[in-house]
C-alpha atoms as a PDB file:
ATOM      1  CA  UNK A   1     -30.717   9.205  10.414  1.00  0.00           C
ATOM      2  CA  UNK A   2     -27.657   9.916   8.250  1.00  0.00           C
ATOM      3  CA  UNK A   3     -24.642   7.655   8.824  1.00  0.00           C
ATOM      4  CA  UNK A   4     -21.153   8.699   7.747  1.00  0.00           C
ATOM      5  CA  UNK A   5     -18.808   6.001   6.479  1.00  0.00           C
ATOM      6  CA  UNK A   6     -16.299   5.143   9.240  1.00  0.00           C
ATOM      7  CA  UNK A   7     -13.315   5.732   6.927  1.00  0.00           C
ATOM      8  CA  UNK A   8     -14.509   9.252   6.086  1.00  0.00           C
ATOM      9  CA  UNK A   9     -15.075   9.883   9.777  1.00  0.00           C
ATOM     10  CA  UNK A  10     -11.593   8.623  10.657  1.00  0.00           C
ATOM     11  CA  UNK A  11      -9.762  10.516   7.893  1.00  0.00           C
ATOM     12  CA  UNK A  12     -11.548  13.852   8.069  1.00  0.00           C
ATOM     13  CA  UNK A  13     -12.741  16.594  10.386  1.00  0.00           C
ATOM     14  CA  UNK A  14     -16.236  18.059  10.331  1.00  0.00           C
ATOM     15  CA  UNK A  15     -16.097  21.688   9.221  1.00  0.00           C
ATOM     16  CA  UNK A  16     -19.837  22.325   9.055  1.00  0.00           C
ATOM     17  CA  UNK A  17     -23.069  21.635   7.252  1.00  0.00           C
ATOM     18  CA  UNK A  18     -24.468  23.041   4.036  1.00  0.00           C
ATOM     19  CA  UNK A  19     -28.143  22.381   3.379  1.00  0.00           C
ATOM     20  CA  UNK A  20     -27.368  19.030   1.698  1.00  0.00           C
ATOM     21  CA  UNK A  21     -23.772  18.139   2.491  1.00  0.00           C
ATOM     22  CA  UNK A  22     -21.398  17.846   5.356  1.00  0.00           C
ATOM     23  CA  UNK A  23     -18.254  19.808   4.620  1.00  0.00           C
ATOM     24  CA  UNK A  24     -15.230  17.908   5.910  1.00  0.00           C
ATOM     25  CA  UNK A  25     -11.491  18.605   5.884  1.00  0.00           C
ATOM     26  CA  UNK A  26      -9.229  15.673   5.072  1.00  0.00           C
ATOM     27  CA  UNK A  27      -6.702  15.494   7.904  1.00  0.00           C
ATOM     28  CA  UNK A  28      -3.655  15.917   5.693  1.00  0.00           C
ATOM     29  CA  UNK A  29      -1.806  19.213   6.065  1.00  0.00           C
ATOM     30  CA  UNK A  30       0.051  18.733   2.765  1.00  0.00           C
ATOM     31  CA  UNK A  31      -2.982  19.952   0.798  1.00  0.00           C
ATOM     32  CA  UNK A  32      -6.071  22.036   1.527  1.00  0.00           C
ATOM     33  CA  UNK A  33      -8.343  19.045   0.837  1.00  0.00           C
ATOM     34  CA  UNK A  34     -12.060  19.108   1.538  1.00  0.00           C
ATOM     35  CA  UNK A  35     -14.902  16.722   0.822  1.00  0.00           C
ATOM     36  CA  UNK A  36     -18.607  17.266   0.438  1.00  0.00           C
ATOM     37  CA  UNK A  37     -20.697  14.346   1.699  1.00  0.00           C
ATOM     38  CA  UNK A  38     -24.403  14.480   0.815  1.00  0.00           C
ATOM     39  CA  UNK A  39     -26.336  13.584   3.942  1.00  0.00           C
ATOM     40  CA  UNK A  40     -28.264  10.795   2.259  1.00  0.00           C
ATOM     41  CA  UNK A  41     -27.897   7.121   3.098  1.00  0.00           C
ATOM     42  CA  UNK A  42     -27.203   4.380   0.570  1.00  0.00           C
ATOM     43  CA  UNK A  43     -26.027   6.741  -2.187  1.00  0.00           C
ATOM     44  CA  UNK A  44     -22.836   5.866  -4.055  1.00  0.00           C
ATOM     45  CA  UNK A  45     -23.221   7.873  -7.271  1.00  0.00           C
ATOM     46  CA  UNK A  46     -24.380  11.390  -8.098  1.00  0.00           C
ATOM     47  CA  UNK A  47     -27.072  10.130 -10.474  1.00  0.00           C
ATOM     48  CA  UNK A  48     -28.728   8.297  -7.545  1.00  0.00           C
ATOM     49  CA  UNK A  49     -29.590  11.593  -5.881  1.00  0.00           C
ATOM     50  CA  UNK A  50     -33.012  13.018  -6.624  1.00  0.00           C
ATOM     51  CA  UNK A  51     -32.889  15.918  -9.093  1.00  0.00           C
ATOM     52  CA  UNK A  52     -33.232  18.591  -6.398  1.00  0.00           C
ATOM     53  CA  UNK A  53     -30.330  17.082  -4.425  1.00  0.00           C
ATOM     54  CA  UNK A  54     -28.196  16.864  -7.569  1.00  0.00           C
ATOM     55  CA  UNK A  55     -28.733  20.559  -8.199  1.00  0.00           C
ATOM     56  CA  UNK A  56     -27.994  21.379  -4.569  1.00  0.00           C
ATOM     57  CA  UNK A  57     -24.791  19.295  -4.646  1.00  0.00           C
ATOM     58  CA  UNK A  58     -23.641  21.181  -7.742  1.00  0.00           C
ATOM     59  CA  UNK A  59     -24.422  24.541  -6.102  1.00  0.00           C
ATOM     60  CA  UNK A  60     -22.538  23.599  -2.930  1.00  0.00           C
ATOM     61  CA  UNK A  61     -19.620  22.210  -4.930  1.00  0.00           C
ATOM     62  CA  UNK A  62     -19.321  25.343  -7.058  1.00  0.00           C
ATOM     63  CA  UNK A  63     -19.525  27.610  -4.011  1.00  0.00           C
ATOM     64  CA  UNK A  64     -16.837  25.586  -2.251  1.00  0.00           C
ATOM     65  CA  UNK A  65     -14.635  25.426  -5.358  1.00  0.00           C
ATOM     66  CA  UNK A  66     -14.752  29.166  -5.952  1.00  0.00           C
ATOM     67  CA  UNK A  67     -14.105  29.886  -2.283  1.00  0.00           C
ATOM     68  CA  UNK A  68     -11.153  27.504  -2.066  1.00  0.00           C
ATOM     69  CA  UNK A  69      -9.638  28.661  -5.355  1.00  0.00           C
ATOM     70  CA  UNK A  70      -9.700  32.285  -4.275  1.00  0.00           C
ATOM     71  CA  UNK A  71      -8.852  31.824  -0.585  1.00  0.00           C
ATOM     72  CA  UNK A  72      -5.884  29.526  -1.194  1.00  0.00           C
ATOM     73  CA  UNK A  73      -4.697  31.028  -4.521  1.00  0.00           C
ATOM     74  CA  UNK A  74      -4.876  27.613  -6.188  1.00  0.00           C
ATOM     75  CA  UNK A  75      -3.039  26.811  -9.385  1.00  0.00           C
ATOM     76  CA  UNK A  76      -5.738  24.200 -10.018  1.00  0.00           C
ATOM     77  CA  UNK A  77      -8.594  22.555  -8.143  1.00  0.00           C
ATOM     78  CA  UNK A  78      -9.007  18.805  -8.418  1.00  0.00           C
ATOM     79  CA  UNK A  79     -12.680  17.953  -7.979  1.00  0.00           C
ATOM     80  CA  UNK A  80     -13.719  14.325  -8.138  1.00  0.00           C
ATOM     81  CA  UNK A  81     -16.202  11.754  -6.893  1.00  0.00           C
ATOM     82  CA  UNK A  82     -14.216   8.542  -7.168  1.00  0.00           C
ATOM     83  CA  UNK A  83     -15.418   6.150  -4.462  1.00  0.00           C
ATOM     84  CA  UNK A  84     -13.283   3.133  -5.314  1.00  0.00           C
ATOM     85  CA  UNK A  85     -12.211   2.660  -1.691  1.00  0.00           C
ATOM     86  CA  UNK A  86     -15.086   4.388   0.123  1.00  0.00           C
ATOM     87  CA  UNK A  87     -18.340   3.831  -1.759  1.00  0.00           C
ATOM     88  CA  UNK A  88     -20.407   6.445   0.131  1.00  0.00           C
ATOM     89  CA  UNK A  89     -20.814   9.401  -2.215  1.00  0.00           C
ATOM     90  CA  UNK A  90     -18.317  12.119  -1.390  1.00  0.00           C
ATOM     91  CA  UNK A  91     -16.838  14.788  -3.648  1.00  0.00           C
ATOM     92  CA  UNK A  92     -13.182  15.742  -3.193  1.00  0.00           C
ATOM     93  CA  UNK A  93     -12.088  19.370  -3.590  1.00  0.00           C
ATOM     94  CA  UNK A  94      -8.289  19.512  -3.485  1.00  0.00           C
ATOM     95  CA  UNK A  95      -6.329  22.738  -3.813  1.00  0.00           C
ATOM     96  CA  UNK A  96      -3.284  22.105  -5.977  1.00  0.00           C
ATOM     97  CA  UNK A  97      -0.141  24.109  -6.645  1.00  0.00           C
ATOM     98  CA  UNK A  98       2.646  23.609  -9.160  1.00  0.00           C
ATOM     99  CA  UNK A  99       5.004  23.344  -6.181  1.00  0.00           C
ATOM    100  CA  UNK A 100       3.015  20.732  -4.216  1.00  0.00           C
ATOM    101  CA  UNK A 101       4.743  17.387  -3.619  1.00  0.00           C
ATOM    102  CA  UNK A 102       2.609  15.461  -6.143  1.00  0.00           C
ATOM    103  CA  UNK A 103       2.244  17.998  -8.955  1.00  0.00           C
ATOM    104  CA  UNK A 104       1.124  17.317 -11.631  1.00  0.00           C
ATOM    105  CA  UNK A 105       0.030  13.772 -10.689  1.00  0.00           C
ATOM    106  CA  UNK A 106      -3.098  13.030  -8.655  1.00  0.00           C
ATOM    107  CA  UNK A 107      -2.615  13.021  -4.879  1.00  0.00           C
ATOM    108  CA  UNK A 108      -4.283   9.653  -4.204  1.00  0.00           C
ATOM    109  CA  UNK A 109      -1.927   7.019  -2.894  1.00  0.00           C
ATOM    110  CA  UNK A 110       1.209   9.090  -3.437  1.00  0.00           C
ATOM    111  CA  UNK A 111       2.091  10.236   0.092  1.00  0.00           C
ATOM    112  CA  UNK A 112       1.215   9.259   3.638  1.00  0.00           C
ATOM    113  CA  UNK A 113      -1.061  11.782   5.310  1.00  0.00           C
ATOM    114  CA  UNK A 114       0.499  14.374   7.589  1.00  0.00           C
ATOM    115  CA  UNK A 115      -2.124  15.276  10.215  1.00  0.00           C
ATOM    116  CA  UNK A 116      -2.778  18.920  11.035  1.00  0.00           C
ATOM    117  CA  UNK A 117      -1.283  20.338  14.193  1.00  0.00           C
ATOM    118  CA  UNK A 118      -3.746  22.093  16.493  1.00  0.00           C
ATOM    119  CA  UNK A 119      -2.735  25.610  15.451  1.00  0.00           C
ATOM    120  CA  UNK A 120      -2.768  24.882  11.722  1.00  0.00           C
ATOM    121  CA  UNK A 121      -6.114  23.126  12.058  1.00  0.00           C
ATOM    122  CA  UNK A 122      -7.614  26.035  13.958  1.00  0.00           C
ATOM    123  CA  UNK A 123      -6.296  28.446  11.320  1.00  0.00           C
ATOM    124  CA  UNK A 124      -7.723  26.601   8.308  1.00  0.00           C
ATOM    125  CA  UNK A 125     -11.072  26.018  10.033  1.00  0.00           C
ATOM    126  CA  UNK A 126     -11.334  29.684  10.983  1.00  0.00           C
ATOM    127  CA  UNK A 127     -10.497  30.730   7.432  1.00  0.00           C
ATOM    128  CA  UNK A 128     -13.128  28.479   5.871  1.00  0.00           C
ATOM    129  CA  UNK A 129     -15.748  29.284   8.513  1.00  0.00           C
ATOM    130  CA  UNK A 130     -15.331  33.017   7.953  1.00  0.00           C
ATOM    131  CA  UNK A 131     -15.463  32.720   4.156  1.00  0.00           C
ATOM    132  CA  UNK A 132     -18.538  30.478   4.110  1.00  0.00           C
ATOM    133  CA  UNK A 133     -20.350  31.935   7.120  1.00  0.00           C
ATOM    134  CA  UNK A 134     -23.454  32.856   5.099  1.00  0.00           C
ATOM    135  CA  UNK A 135     -23.941  29.314   3.783  1.00  0.00           C
ATOM    136  CA  UNK A 136     -22.399  26.985   6.350  1.00  0.00           C
ATOM    137  CA  UNK A 137     -23.815  25.923   9.710  1.00  0.00           C
ATOM    138  CA  UNK A 138     -21.016  25.285  12.156  1.00  0.00           C
ATOM    139  CA  UNK A 139     -20.874  22.016  14.088  1.00  0.00           C
ATOM    140  CA  UNK A 140     -22.922  22.080  17.261  1.00  0.00           C
ATOM    141  CA  UNK A 141     -22.368  20.464  20.628  1.00  0.00           C
ATOM    142  CA  UNK A 142     -24.749  17.743  19.407  1.00  0.00           C
ATOM    143  CA  UNK A 143     -22.272  16.712  16.704  1.00  0.00           C
ATOM    144  CA  UNK A 144     -20.623  13.554  18.009  1.00  0.00           C
ATOM    145  CA  UNK A 145     -17.082  14.428  16.983  1.00  0.00           C
ATOM    146  CA  UNK A 146     -14.632  16.989  18.253  1.00  0.00           C
ATOM    147  CA  UNK A 147     -11.831  18.674  16.355  1.00  0.00           C
ATOM    148  CA  UNK A 148      -9.244  17.231  18.745  1.00  0.00           C
END
């Protein structure tokens, strides 16, 4: 049974499931910021995934990156698997703009998170769900968490 790190659970909202990864939205309305979390326990680095999972992670990451870049008209996408504070493997996909409050520096540790309001959350989830509907399974009633 897959277990999500409690910090990732606390700081993000389940968007849906790809075949390998959970897609989660970081609850910070300052940036469209998503993470992919491979549903494998005890994995901290990409190289620890079996070859098939590595390829699937890359496919899901590229699909998400292209979708986010186009849907949010990004200046740049920051994609990274850092894991210094949360060791469970997760890959950040952050939409960046030249006018965002941290540009051009990285976003980590710069600003306190500003949680999404209900309407803004519903809007971004609907947008991503509609764009990825062919590849993403939406959360079910069996998923333990709710959006709000």
